[in-house]
Amino acid sequence: MTKEYLPVLLLTGYLGSGKTTLLNYILNNRQGIRFAVIVNDIGEVNIDERLIQKGGVVGQDGDLVALSNGCICCTLSTDLIKQLSQLAQSGKFDYIVIEASGICEPAPIARSIDAIDAMAGDNPGYRIPRLDSIITVVDALRMADEFGCGSALKRDNLGEEDLERLVIEQIEFCNTIIVNKISEVTALQAAELRETIHALNPGAKIIDADYCRVDLGKLINTGNYSFEKTATQAAWVQGIEGEAEHQPHQSHNHDHDHHHDHDHHHHEGEGEALEYGISAMVYMRREPFNFEKFEKMLSTEWPKNIIRSKGVLYFSQNRDMSLLFETAGHQMKVTEAGLWYATAPAEELEQLRRLDPSINRDWEEPWGDRMDKIVIIGRNLDREAITAMLDGCLER
């Protein structure tokens, strides 16, 4: 039996970026589509009362759903899945919009929504909510300040480092990025901002807007989402997976949507990438880092023009443990990621290599699968200097 799906749009973006403005715009221009809306806190979202009162959009009987136990990403296994399923089975709606909290990471939300299909099985007549698209809204002026002038951003007791990480992760895990309040930045800032965003997520569509006024056809019923594609299109993932180093001017999918929804085509070529200097590099070595040298380098030498870096590495002090290293703006973090395959007993390792041929791709004696592989994205990167800096931290 063919499954019936109810499309779901997930809106993400930091506080003040314009998510609620976009939500109100969608509801006000719904073109006969019956929307259900899930938000974290009705009081905070402040959806236009005139829209709430309109029939078929948000009614008196719970069509506007507020999760009472905190933000969506904190109640994934209970409230969100339950509410989505109930809305789908009601048969009253054509589309669901979720406005996530500004401090939510989109990947766990997407993963939980995807799980509904598997849990539903083949129940006849069961309507299944399914992600249609993930849209991230960013504030052009604040982004230009953050990545252009380096000014600190703080709000709601979140430190600068937390904000940088959240904004970057929201940009990296989505299908469409709306650069809102675009008229508040200069043409030069706007172009540089697009290149920065594109360098972080080359697979996302970038749309410029004011007041989040975007053609509805570019937002809903797009069919743009698949977890595999969305989870692997960030530049750091492509670099870790060994694809060619990304150049920001290649395959840039870009629209401009202003008050009157004008589309402008982005011209391909090297000029813009060279002019704004946003690029990526992949650092790859087999030897371990020395922990003390690496720690000192991060605190004294790490270039301020690096916007994002992420990858795997290991230290000579514990050669068996793989580590996930990442930076987002000023934030730096190293966390354990499990033992290298090379530490497994011989028989177990042989079986693992048969079952997962990708292990062989990364295998090199005498290191096995041990490696340092870091994707670095930034402005006017001095590749030779960065390589020499990291090489100086190796245990040789």
Foldseek 3Di string as FASTA:
>chain_A
DDAAEAEEEEEEEAPPLQSLLLVLLCLVPVVPFQEAEEEADCVVSCRPVVSCPDPRHHDDPCSYHHDPPGWCLVQLVPDPLVVQQVVQLVPSGRYYYYYTYHLDQCLSNQVSLVVQVVVVPPDPPRYHYHYQWYEYGGELVVLLCCQPVVDADDDDPDGSQSVLVSRLSSLLQTAEYEHEPVVVDDPVSSLLSLLQSCLQFVRHEYEYEYSNDADVVVRPPNSRDDSVCRVQRTQFNCQQVPHPFDQSLPPHHYFYQYPPGDGDDDDGDCVSCVVFAKGKDKAKDQFAFAVVLVVVCLVPPPDQQWAKKWWWGHHPVDLQWIWIWMGHRSDTDIGTDGGDLVVDPPVVSVVVCVVDVVQVVCQDPPRRNHMTIMMIIGGNDPVVVVNVSRVVRGDD
